[in-house]
Amino acid sequence: MVEHTVLQFTFIHFLHDWSRSGTVVYKALTAPYSKLFVVTESATGVKSTYLFHVRKNEEVLVSYDTNLAYIPSRCVSKSPGDSTSCVPE
């Protein structure tokens, strides 16, 4: 069974090497995985940052019309607030 995560985001950050097809499909190019940071905001305005490790050649689908990200994995960590301002390389 392959796990997927769908999040509505306020900010999305692709770290490492990714290819892009159009504006919606992003493919991880770094072995063994590329990092993906997704910032969400609850109805009360509380932000959270999720970190994903997306395996090489896996694809992330992004809808900028609805701010939804379809991610082929579960998050490896979650932190309070928007922790992407100083993302380490």
N, C-alpha and C. Protein backbone atom coordinates (compact mmCIF):
# COMPACT_ATOMS: atom_id res chain seq x y z
N MET A 1 0.84 -1.17 0.00
CA MET A 1 0.00 0.00 0.00
C MET A 1 0.89 1.25 0.00
N VAL A 2 0.61 2.16 -0.90
CA VAL A 2 1.36 3.40 -0.98
C VAL A 2 0.59 4.48 -0.22
N GLU A 3 1.29 5.16 0.66
CA GLU A 3 0.63 6.21 1.44
C GLU A 3 0.73 7.54 0.72
N HIS A 4 -0.32 8.34 0.86
CA HIS A 4 -0.36 9.68 0.27
C HIS A 4 -0.87 10.65 1.33
N THR A 5 -0.48 11.88 1.18
CA THR A 5 -0.95 12.95 2.05
C THR A 5 -1.46 14.08 1.17
N VAL A 6 -2.59 14.67 1.54
CA VAL A 6 -3.12 15.83 0.84
C VAL A 6 -3.25 16.95 1.87
N LEU A 7 -2.61 18.08 1.58
CA LEU A 7 -2.66 19.23 2.49
C LEU A 7 -3.04 20.49 1.73
N GLN A 8 -3.82 21.34 2.38
CA GLN A 8 -4.06 22.68 1.84
C GLN A 8 -2.97 23.56 2.42
N PHE A 9 -2.23 24.23 1.55
CA PHE A 9 -1.04 24.94 1.99
C PHE A 9 -1.17 26.45 1.83
N THR A 10 -0.35 27.15 2.64
CA THR A 10 -0.17 28.59 2.45
C THR A 10 1.19 28.87 1.82
N PHE A 11 2.12 27.91 2.00
CA PHE A 11 3.46 28.03 1.42
C PHE A 11 4.00 26.63 1.21
N ILE A 12 4.72 26.45 0.11
CA ILE A 12 5.32 25.15 -0.18
C ILE A 12 6.75 25.40 -0.67
N HIS A 13 7.70 24.62 -0.14
CA HIS A 13 9.11 24.83 -0.47
C HIS A 13 9.73 23.50 -0.88
N PHE A 14 10.23 23.44 -2.10
CA PHE A 14 10.89 22.26 -2.64
C PHE A 14 12.40 22.42 -2.44
N LEU A 15 13.00 21.54 -1.64
CA LEU A 15 14.43 21.61 -1.34
C LEU A 15 15.13 20.47 -2.08
N HIS A 16 16.30 20.72 -2.57
CA HIS A 16 17.10 19.80 -3.39
C HIS A 16 16.65 19.92 -4.84
N ASP A 17 16.94 18.89 -5.63
CA ASP A 17 16.65 18.95 -7.07
C ASP A 17 15.28 18.38 -7.39
N TRP A 18 14.49 19.17 -8.13
CA TRP A 18 13.16 18.77 -8.58
C TRP A 18 13.01 19.16 -10.04
N SER A 19 12.26 18.38 -10.79
CA SER A 19 11.89 18.81 -12.14
C SER A 19 10.42 19.23 -12.08
N ARG A 20 10.03 20.06 -13.02
CA ARG A 20 8.65 20.53 -13.04
C ARG A 20 8.08 20.33 -14.42
N SER A 21 6.87 19.80 -14.47
CA SER A 21 6.16 19.62 -15.73
C SER A 21 4.92 20.49 -15.66
N GLY A 22 4.90 21.55 -16.46
CA GLY A 22 3.80 22.51 -16.35
C GLY A 22 3.86 23.20 -15.01
N THR A 23 2.72 23.43 -14.42
CA THR A 23 2.70 24.11 -13.12
C THR A 23 2.18 23.21 -12.01
N VAL A 24 1.97 21.91 -12.32
CA VAL A 24 1.33 21.08 -11.31
C VAL A 24 2.09 19.83 -10.90
N VAL A 25 3.02 19.33 -11.69
CA VAL A 25 3.70 18.08 -11.37
C VAL A 25 5.18 18.36 -11.08
N TYR A 26 5.62 17.98 -9.90
CA TYR A 26 7.01 18.14 -9.50
C TYR A 26 7.58 16.75 -9.22
N LYS A 27 8.74 16.43 -9.79
CA LYS A 27 9.36 15.12 -9.60
C LYS A 27 10.66 15.28 -8.83
N ALA A 28 10.81 14.48 -7.77
CA ALA A 28 12.02 14.49 -6.96
C ALA A 28 13.17 13.88 -7.76
N LEU A 29 14.33 14.54 -7.78
CA LEU A 29 15.46 14.05 -8.55
C LEU A 29 16.66 13.66 -7.71
N THR A 30 16.63 13.95 -6.41
CA THR A 30 17.76 13.68 -5.54
C THR A 30 17.59 12.31 -4.89
N ALA A 31 18.64 11.49 -4.93
CA ALA A 31 18.60 10.17 -4.28
C ALA A 31 19.15 10.30 -2.87
N PRO A 32 18.66 9.61 -1.88
CA PRO A 32 17.51 8.73 -1.96
C PRO A 32 16.18 9.47 -1.91
N TYR A 33 16.20 10.76 -1.48
CA TYR A 33 14.95 11.52 -1.44
C TYR A 33 15.25 13.02 -1.51
N SER A 34 14.22 13.78 -1.87
CA SER A 34 14.25 15.24 -1.82
C SER A 34 13.33 15.68 -0.69
N LYS A 35 13.64 16.83 -0.12
CA LYS A 35 12.82 17.34 0.98
C LYS A 35 11.76 18.29 0.45
N LEU A 36 10.60 18.24 1.11
CA LEU A 36 9.48 19.12 0.78
C LEU A 36 8.92 19.67 2.08
N PHE A 37 8.86 21.00 2.18
CA PHE A 37 8.26 21.65 3.34
C PHE A 37 6.92 22.23 2.93
N VAL A 38 5.90 21.96 3.74
CA VAL A 38 4.55 22.47 3.46
C VAL A 38 4.06 23.19 4.71
N VAL A 39 3.67 24.46 4.54
CA VAL A 39 3.12 25.24 5.65
C VAL A 39 1.61 25.30 5.47
N THR A 40 0.89 24.95 6.54
CA THR A 40 -0.57 25.00 6.53
C THR A 40 -1.04 26.04 7.55
N GLU A 41 -2.29 26.43 7.42
CA GLU A 41 -2.88 27.37 8.38
C GLU A 41 -4.28 26.88 8.73
N SER A 42 -4.54 26.73 10.02
CA SER A 42 -5.85 26.26 10.48
C SER A 42 -6.88 27.37 10.37
N ALA A 43 -8.12 27.04 10.62
CA ALA A 43 -9.21 28.02 10.58
C ALA A 43 -9.02 29.13 11.61
N THR A 44 -8.26 28.86 12.65
CA THR A 44 -8.01 29.85 13.69
C THR A 44 -6.73 30.64 13.45
N GLY A 45 -6.06 30.39 12.32
CA GLY A 45 -4.86 31.14 11.96
C GLY A 45 -3.56 30.56 12.48
N VAL A 46 -3.62 29.38 13.09
CA VAL A 46 -2.41 28.74 13.61
C VAL A 46 -1.70 28.01 12.47
N LYS A 47 -0.41 28.33 12.29
CA LYS A 47 0.38 27.71 11.22
C LYS A 47 1.17 26.52 11.74
N SER A 48 1.37 25.55 10.84
CA SER A 48 2.21 24.38 11.12
C SER A 48 3.05 24.10 9.90
N THR A 49 4.26 23.58 10.11
CA THR A 49 5.16 23.22 9.01
C THR A 49 5.38 21.72 9.03
N TYR A 50 5.15 21.10 7.89
CA TYR A 50 5.33 19.66 7.71
C TYR A 50 6.55 19.42 6.83
N LEU A 51 7.36 18.43 7.19
CA LEU A 51 8.50 18.03 6.38
C LEU A 51 8.22 16.65 5.79
N PHE A 52 8.45 16.53 4.49
CA PHE A 52 8.29 15.26 3.80
C PHE A 52 9.60 14.88 3.14
N HIS A 53 9.89 13.59 3.10
CA HIS A 53 11.00 13.04 2.31
C HIS A 53 10.34 12.33 1.13
N VAL A 54 10.49 12.89 -0.05
CA VAL A 54 9.88 12.33 -1.25
C VAL A 54 10.96 11.56 -2.01
N ARG A 55 10.73 10.28 -2.20
CA ARG A 55 11.73 9.42 -2.84
C ARG A 55 12.01 9.84 -4.28
N LYS A 56 13.21 9.56 -4.72
CA LYS A 56 13.61 9.90 -6.09
C LYS A 56 12.60 9.33 -7.09
N ASN A 57 12.24 10.15 -8.07
CA ASN A 57 11.30 9.85 -9.15
C ASN A 57 9.83 9.83 -8.73
N GLU A 58 9.53 10.05 -7.45
CA GLU A 58 8.14 10.20 -7.03
C GLU A 58 7.66 11.59 -7.44
N GLU A 59 6.36 11.71 -7.68
CA GLU A 59 5.80 12.98 -8.14
C GLU A 59 4.86 13.58 -7.10
N VAL A 60 4.97 14.89 -6.94
CA VAL A 60 4.07 15.66 -6.09
C VAL A 60 3.18 16.48 -7.02
N LEU A 61 1.89 16.40 -6.80
CA LEU A 61 0.94 17.19 -7.59
C LEU A 61 0.53 18.40 -6.78
N VAL A 62 0.57 19.57 -7.41
CA VAL A 62 0.23 20.82 -6.72
C VAL A 62 -0.84 21.55 -7.52
N SER A 63 -1.93 21.90 -6.84
CA SER A 63 -2.96 22.72 -7.45
C SER A 63 -2.86 24.11 -6.84
N TYR A 64 -2.41 25.06 -7.63
CA TYR A 64 -2.30 26.43 -7.12
C TYR A 64 -3.65 27.13 -7.11
N ASP A 65 -4.62 26.61 -7.84
CA ASP A 65 -5.98 27.17 -7.81
C ASP A 65 -6.64 26.91 -6.46
N THR A 66 -6.42 25.73 -5.90
CA THR A 66 -7.04 25.36 -4.63
C THR A 66 -6.04 25.28 -3.48
N ASN A 67 -4.75 25.52 -3.77
CA ASN A 67 -3.67 25.42 -2.78
C ASN A 67 -3.63 24.04 -2.12
N LEU A 68 -3.77 23.00 -2.94
CA LEU A 68 -3.68 21.63 -2.45
C LEU A 68 -2.41 20.97 -2.97
N ALA A 69 -1.74 20.22 -2.10
CA ALA A 69 -0.57 19.45 -2.49
C ALA A 69 -0.87 17.98 -2.24
N TYR A 70 -0.66 17.16 -3.27
CA TYR A 70 -0.85 15.72 -3.19
C TYR A 70 0.54 15.10 -3.12
N ILE A 71 0.88 14.53 -1.96
CA ILE A 71 2.25 14.11 -1.67
C ILE A 71 2.27 12.59 -1.47
N PRO A 72 3.16 11.87 -2.17
CA PRO A 72 3.16 10.41 -2.11
C PRO A 72 3.89 9.83 -0.89
N SER A 73 3.68 10.42 0.27
CA SER A 73 4.30 9.89 1.49
C SER A 73 3.66 10.54 2.70
N ARG A 74 4.02 10.05 3.87
CA ARG A 74 3.60 10.66 5.13
C ARG A 74 4.67 11.63 5.57
N CYS A 75 4.30 12.60 6.38
CA CYS A 75 5.31 13.56 6.85
C CYS A 75 6.26 12.86 7.82
N VAL A 76 7.49 13.35 7.86
CA VAL A 76 8.47 12.81 8.79
C VAL A 76 8.57 13.66 10.05
N SER A 77 8.09 14.91 9.96
CA SER A 77 8.03 15.76 11.15
C SER A 77 7.04 16.89 10.93
N LYS A 78 6.58 17.42 12.06
CA LYS A 78 5.66 18.56 12.07
C LYS A 78 6.12 19.50 13.16
N SER A 79 6.18 20.81 12.83
CA SER A 79 6.59 21.78 13.83
C SER A 79 5.60 22.93 13.85
N PRO A 80 5.46 23.58 14.99
CA PRO A 80 4.51 24.70 15.08
C PRO A 80 5.04 25.91 14.33
N GLY A 81 4.14 26.69 13.77
CA GLY A 81 4.50 27.92 13.08
C GLY A 81 5.06 27.67 11.69
N ASP A 82 5.52 28.74 11.06
CA ASP A 82 6.15 28.67 9.75
C ASP A 82 7.65 28.61 9.97
N SER A 83 8.21 27.41 9.89
CA SER A 83 9.64 27.24 10.15
C SER A 83 10.46 27.20 8.86
N THR A 84 9.93 27.76 7.79
CA THR A 84 10.65 27.74 6.51
C THR A 84 11.50 28.97 6.27
N SER A 85 11.48 29.95 7.15
CA SER A 85 12.20 31.19 6.90
C SER A 85 13.71 30.99 6.81
N CYS A 86 14.23 29.99 7.50
CA CYS A 86 15.67 29.70 7.46
C CYS A 86 15.88 28.22 7.21
N VAL A 87 15.35 27.73 6.11
CA VAL A 87 15.45 26.31 5.81
C VAL A 87 16.90 25.96 5.53
N PRO A 88 17.46 24.97 6.27
CA PRO A 88 18.85 24.58 6.00
C PRO A 88 18.96 23.83 4.68
N GLU A 89 20.08 24.00 4.02
CA GLU A 89 20.31 23.32 2.73
C GLU A 89 20.74 21.92 2.95
